Amino acid sequence: MREEFKQRLLRYIAFLEEELHDYSKFRLLRRSDYIADRDKRRNVERWIENIINSSIDISKVILTLEGIALPDNYREIVSSICAIKELKAIDAEALSRWIRFRNIIAHEYLDLRWASIERFIQQTEPLYKSFLEEVKGYIGKNLAGEVER
């Protein structure tokens, strides 16, 4: 079972790494395009959900691997990741604040969603890149030998 979690973690990390490449593409998105073009709107919203969900999935797997009971909600799961010694540098509080945004995307009016989407695109790239690098470091220190077998 432990090996399955490690492999899952590696897949989630690879997925997040791919998603992070799209910051440059979405940084060019303008409000008028977001409102007028249904496909662009759907793409950016799904991209944001993918990034946020990846942070949740990665956090869940690491907490499970560390034998830490999963908290009751996603925000607490992501916040809990910094309880692990090797991951203290992660700004888990900042990451966890974006968890709520997943639900906002689905329910707010276009103008309200756009303001939050624009803020996400402009502010979160360093946050998620740092998260990814810290998790990769965690794997290197704790799981690398076990995963390679």
C-alpha atoms as a PDB file:
ATOM      1  CA  MET A   1       0.000   0.000   0.000  1.00  0.00           C
ATOM      2  CA  ARG A   2       2.841   2.403   0.843  1.00  0.00           C
ATOM      3  CA  GLU A   3       4.345   1.899  -2.624  1.00  0.00           C
ATOM      4  CA  GLU A   4       0.990   2.750  -4.203  1.00  0.00           C
ATOM      5  CA  PHE A   5       0.901   6.061  -2.305  1.00  0.00           C
ATOM      6  CA  LYS A   6       4.439   6.896  -3.390  1.00  0.00           C
ATOM      7  CA  GLN A   7       3.620   6.245  -7.035  1.00  0.00           C
ATOM      8  CA  ARG A   8       0.451   8.304  -6.735  1.00  0.00           C
ATOM      9  CA  LEU A   9       2.462  11.141  -5.217  1.00  0.00           C
ATOM     10  CA  LEU A  10       4.884  11.078  -8.140  1.00  0.00           C
ATOM     11  CA  ARG A  11       1.979  11.230 -10.625  1.00  0.00           C
ATOM     12  CA  TYR A  12       0.417  14.185  -8.780  1.00  0.00           C
ATOM     13  CA  ILE A  13       3.736  16.009  -8.761  1.00  0.00           C
ATOM     14  CA  ALA A  14       4.237  15.442 -12.495  1.00  0.00           C
ATOM     15  CA  PHE A  15       0.709  16.682 -13.151  1.00  0.00           C
ATOM     16  CA  LEU A  16       1.195  19.829 -11.065  1.00  0.00           C
ATOM     17  CA  GLU A  17       4.505  20.503 -12.763  1.00  0.00           C
ATOM     18  CA  GLU A  18       2.790  20.391 -16.161  1.00  0.00           C
ATOM     19  CA  GLU A  19      -0.027  22.664 -15.006  1.00  0.00           C
ATOM     20  CA  LEU A  20       2.441  25.253 -13.697  1.00  0.00           C
ATOM     21  CA  HIS A  21       3.797  25.708 -17.225  1.00  0.00           C
ATOM     22  CA  ASP A  22       0.486  27.313 -18.199  1.00  0.00           C
ATOM     23  CA  TYR A  23       0.930  30.396 -16.021  1.00  0.00           C
ATOM     24  CA  SER A  24       2.599  32.121 -18.973  1.00  0.00           C
ATOM     25  CA  LYS A  25      -0.361  31.311 -21.210  1.00  0.00           C
ATOM     26  CA  PHE A  26      -3.022  32.477 -18.774  1.00  0.00           C
ATOM     27  CA  ARG A  27      -1.108  35.614 -17.806  1.00  0.00           C
ATOM     28  CA  LEU A  28      -2.092  36.914 -21.248  1.00  0.00           C
ATOM     29  CA  LEU A  29      -5.812  36.371 -20.619  1.00  0.00           C
ATOM     30  CA  ARG A  30      -7.843  39.581 -20.390  1.00  0.00           C
ATOM     31  CA  ARG A  31     -11.188  40.209 -18.755  1.00  0.00           C
ATOM     32  CA  SER A  32     -12.908  40.835 -22.091  1.00  0.00           C
ATOM     33  CA  ASP A  33     -11.678  37.479 -23.433  1.00  0.00           C
ATOM     34  CA  TYR A  34     -12.673  35.716 -20.241  1.00  0.00           C
ATOM     35  CA  ILE A  35     -16.226  37.062 -20.425  1.00  0.00           C
ATOM     36  CA  ALA A  36     -16.716  36.707 -24.183  1.00  0.00           C
ATOM     37  CA  ASP A  37     -15.014  33.372 -24.845  1.00  0.00           C
ATOM     38  CA  ARG A  38     -16.650  30.421 -23.127  1.00  0.00           C
ATOM     39  CA  ASP A  39     -13.765  28.065 -23.979  1.00  0.00           C
ATOM     40  CA  LYS A  40     -11.136  30.385 -22.505  1.00  0.00           C
ATOM     41  CA  ARG A  41     -13.284  30.857 -19.424  1.00  0.00           C
ATOM     42  CA  ARG A  42     -13.709  27.125 -18.983  1.00  0.00           C
ATOM     43  CA  ASN A  43      -9.997  26.477 -19.590  1.00  0.00           C
ATOM     44  CA  VAL A  44      -8.731  28.961 -17.023  1.00  0.00           C
ATOM     45  CA  GLU A  45     -11.276  27.859 -14.427  1.00  0.00           C
ATOM     46  CA  ARG A  46     -10.389  24.206 -14.920  1.00  0.00           C
ATOM     47  CA  TRP A  47      -6.661  25.020 -14.825  1.00  0.00           C
ATOM     48  CA  ILE A  48      -7.072  26.774 -11.473  1.00  0.00           C
ATOM     49  CA  GLU A  49      -9.082  23.864 -10.114  1.00  0.00           C
ATOM     50  CA  ASN A  50      -6.366  21.454 -11.280  1.00  0.00           C
ATOM     51  CA  ILE A  51      -3.643  23.387  -9.481  1.00  0.00           C
ATOM     52  CA  ILE A  52      -5.616  23.700  -6.265  1.00  0.00           C
ATOM     53  CA  ASN A  53      -6.743  20.070  -6.377  1.00  0.00           C
ATOM     54  CA  SER A  54      -3.150  18.971  -6.949  1.00  0.00           C
ATOM     55  CA  SER A  55      -2.036  20.730  -3.782  1.00  0.00           C
ATOM     56  CA  ILE A  56      -4.809  18.950  -1.901  1.00  0.00           C
ATOM     57  CA  ASP A  57      -3.987  15.543  -3.396  1.00  0.00           C
ATOM     58  CA  ILE A  58      -0.258  15.905  -2.765  1.00  0.00           C
ATOM     59  CA  SER A  59      -0.894  17.010   0.815  1.00  0.00           C
ATOM     60  CA  LYS A  60      -3.247  14.081   1.451  1.00  0.00           C
ATOM     61  CA  VAL A  61      -0.748  11.533   0.197  1.00  0.00           C
ATOM     62  CA  ILE A  62       2.151  12.992   2.170  1.00  0.00           C
ATOM     63  CA  LEU A  63       0.121  13.156   5.368  1.00  0.00           C
ATOM     64  CA  THR A  64      -0.943   9.545   4.808  1.00  0.00           C
ATOM     65  CA  LEU A  65       2.637   8.438   4.165  1.00  0.00           C
ATOM     66  CA  GLU A  66       3.693  10.188   7.370  1.00  0.00           C
ATOM     67  CA  GLY A  67       0.953   8.451   9.341  1.00  0.00           C
ATOM     68  CA  ILE A  68      -0.821  11.726  10.134  1.00  0.00           C
ATOM     69  CA  ALA A  69      -4.605  11.541  10.334  1.00  0.00           C
ATOM     70  CA  LEU A  70      -6.297  13.546   7.613  1.00  0.00           C
ATOM     71  CA  PRO A  71      -8.196  16.592   8.878  1.00  0.00           C
ATOM     72  CA  ASP A  72     -11.883  16.951   8.090  1.00  0.00           C
ATOM     73  CA  ASN A  73     -11.647  19.496   5.281  1.00  0.00           C
ATOM     74  CA  TYR A  74      -9.365  20.322   2.382  1.00  0.00           C
ATOM     75  CA  ARG A  75      -8.213  23.637   3.777  1.00  0.00           C
ATOM     76  CA  GLU A  76      -6.991  21.955   6.972  1.00  0.00           C
ATOM     77  CA  ILE A  77      -5.349  19.164   4.970  1.00  0.00           C
ATOM     78  CA  VAL A  78      -3.224  21.665   3.060  1.00  0.00           C
ATOM     79  CA  SER A  79      -2.529  23.677   6.220  1.00  0.00           C
ATOM     80  CA  SER A  80      -1.304  20.520   7.956  1.00  0.00           C
ATOM     81  CA  ILE A  81       1.468  19.846   5.461  1.00  0.00           C
ATOM     82  CA  CYS A  82       3.849  22.234   7.228  1.00  0.00           C
ATOM     83  CA  ALA A  83       3.687  20.001  10.323  1.00  0.00           C
ATOM     84  CA  ILE A  84       6.187  17.777   8.554  1.00  0.00           C
ATOM     85  CA  LYS A  85       9.739  18.834   9.364  1.00  0.00           C
ATOM     86  CA  GLU A  86      11.006  18.782   5.780  1.00  0.00           C
ATOM     87  CA  LEU A  87       8.027  20.830   4.566  1.00  0.00           C
ATOM     88  CA  LYS A  88       8.005  23.637   7.138  1.00  0.00           C
ATOM     89  CA  ALA A  89       9.151  26.120   4.469  1.00  0.00           C
ATOM     90  CA  ILE A  90       5.869  25.707   2.563  1.00  0.00           C
ATOM     91  CA  ASP A  91       3.525  28.638   3.041  1.00  0.00           C
ATOM     92  CA  ALA A  92       0.673  26.287   3.848  1.00  0.00           C
ATOM     93  CA  GLU A  93      -1.516  29.091   5.157  1.00  0.00           C
ATOM     94  CA  ALA A  94      -1.329  30.973   1.849  1.00  0.00           C
ATOM     95  CA  LEU A  95      -2.001  27.760  -0.082  1.00  0.00           C
ATOM     96  CA  SER A  96      -4.960  26.877   2.107  1.00  0.00           C
ATOM     97  CA  ARG A  97      -6.567  30.281   1.544  1.00  0.00           C
ATOM     98  CA  TRP A  98      -6.877  29.443  -2.152  1.00  0.00           C
ATOM     99  CA  ILE A  99      -8.751  26.206  -1.407  1.00  0.00           C
ATOM    100  CA  ARG A 100     -11.979  28.115  -0.885  1.00  0.00           C
ATOM    101  CA  PHE A 101     -11.549  29.686  -4.296  1.00  0.00           C
ATOM    102  CA  ARG A 102     -12.368  26.346  -5.955  1.00  0.00           C
ATOM    103  CA  ASN A 103     -15.971  26.708  -4.848  1.00  0.00           C
ATOM    104  CA  ILE A 104     -16.171  30.392  -5.711  1.00  0.00           C
ATOM    105  CA  ILE A 105     -15.312  29.673  -9.335  1.00  0.00           C
ATOM    106  CA  ALA A 106     -18.464  27.612  -9.706  1.00  0.00           C
ATOM    107  CA  HIS A 107     -20.892  29.993  -8.014  1.00  0.00           C
ATOM    108  CA  GLU A 108     -19.954  33.651  -8.424  1.00  0.00           C
ATOM    109  CA  TYR A 109     -20.933  36.054 -11.196  1.00  0.00           C
ATOM    110  CA  LEU A 110     -18.471  36.457 -14.057  1.00  0.00           C
ATOM    111  CA  ASP A 111     -17.188  39.856 -12.928  1.00  0.00           C
ATOM    112  CA  LEU A 112     -16.540  38.641  -9.388  1.00  0.00           C
ATOM    113  CA  ARG A 113     -14.901  35.457 -10.626  1.00  0.00           C
ATOM    114  CA  TRP A 114     -12.659  37.385 -12.994  1.00  0.00           C
ATOM    115  CA  ALA A 115     -11.248  39.562 -10.212  1.00  0.00           C
ATOM    116  CA  SER A 116     -10.297  36.459  -8.223  1.00  0.00           C
ATOM    117  CA  ILE A 117      -8.993  34.617 -11.266  1.00  0.00           C
ATOM    118  CA  GLU A 118      -6.813  37.559 -12.215  1.00  0.00           C
ATOM    119  CA  ARG A 119      -5.467  37.716  -8.654  1.00  0.00           C
ATOM    120  CA  PHE A 120      -4.778  33.962  -8.726  1.00  0.00           C
ATOM    121  CA  ILE A 121      -2.860  34.225 -12.004  1.00  0.00           C
ATOM    122  CA  GLN A 122      -0.846  37.236 -10.837  1.00  0.00           C
ATOM    123  CA  GLN A 123      -0.059  36.098  -7.288  1.00  0.00           C
ATOM    124  CA  THR A 124       0.173  32.337  -6.973  1.00  0.00           C
ATOM    125  CA  GLU A 125       2.853  31.167  -9.376  1.00  0.00           C
ATOM    126  CA  PRO A 126       5.718  31.575  -6.865  1.00  0.00           C
ATOM    127  CA  LEU A 127       3.578  29.977  -4.158  1.00  0.00           C
ATOM    128  CA  TYR A 128       2.814  26.813  -6.124  1.00  0.00           C
ATOM    129  CA  LYS A 129       6.328  26.583  -7.581  1.00  0.00           C
ATOM    130  CA  SER A 130       7.728  26.755  -4.074  1.00  0.00           C
ATOM    131  CA  PHE A 131       5.249  24.102  -2.918  1.00  0.00           C
ATOM    132  CA  LEU A 132       6.326  21.844  -5.784  1.00  0.00           C
ATOM    133  CA  GLU A 133      10.031  22.307  -5.065  1.00  0.00           C
ATOM    134  CA  GLU A 134       9.604  21.635  -1.349  1.00  0.00           C
ATOM    135  CA  VAL A 135       7.636  18.466  -2.072  1.00  0.00           C
ATOM    136  CA  LYS A 136      10.295  17.310  -4.532  1.00  0.00           C
ATOM    137  CA  GLY A 137      12.898  17.917  -1.819  1.00  0.00           C
ATOM    138  CA  TYR A 138      10.790  15.888   0.605  1.00  0.00           C
ATOM    139  CA  ILE A 139      10.693  13.015  -1.869  1.00  0.00           C
ATOM    140  CA  GLY A 140      14.432  13.244  -2.417  1.00  0.00           C
ATOM    141  CA  LYS A 141      15.126  13.063   1.305  1.00  0.00           C
ATOM    142  CA  ASN A 142      12.482  10.551   2.333  1.00  0.00           C
ATOM    143  CA  LEU A 143      11.263   8.447  -0.537  1.00  0.00           C
ATOM    144  CA  ALA A 144      13.758   8.499  -3.412  1.00  0.00           C
ATOM    145  CA  GLY A 145      15.462   5.196  -2.629  1.00  0.00           C
ATOM    146  CA  GLU A 146      12.202   3.436  -1.936  1.00  0.00           C
ATOM    147  CA  VAL A 147      10.521   4.690  -5.112  1.00  0.00           C
ATOM    148  CA  GLU A 148      13.405   3.704  -7.391  1.00  0.00           C
ATOM    149  CA  ARG A 149      13.359   0.028  -6.364  1.00  0.00           C
END
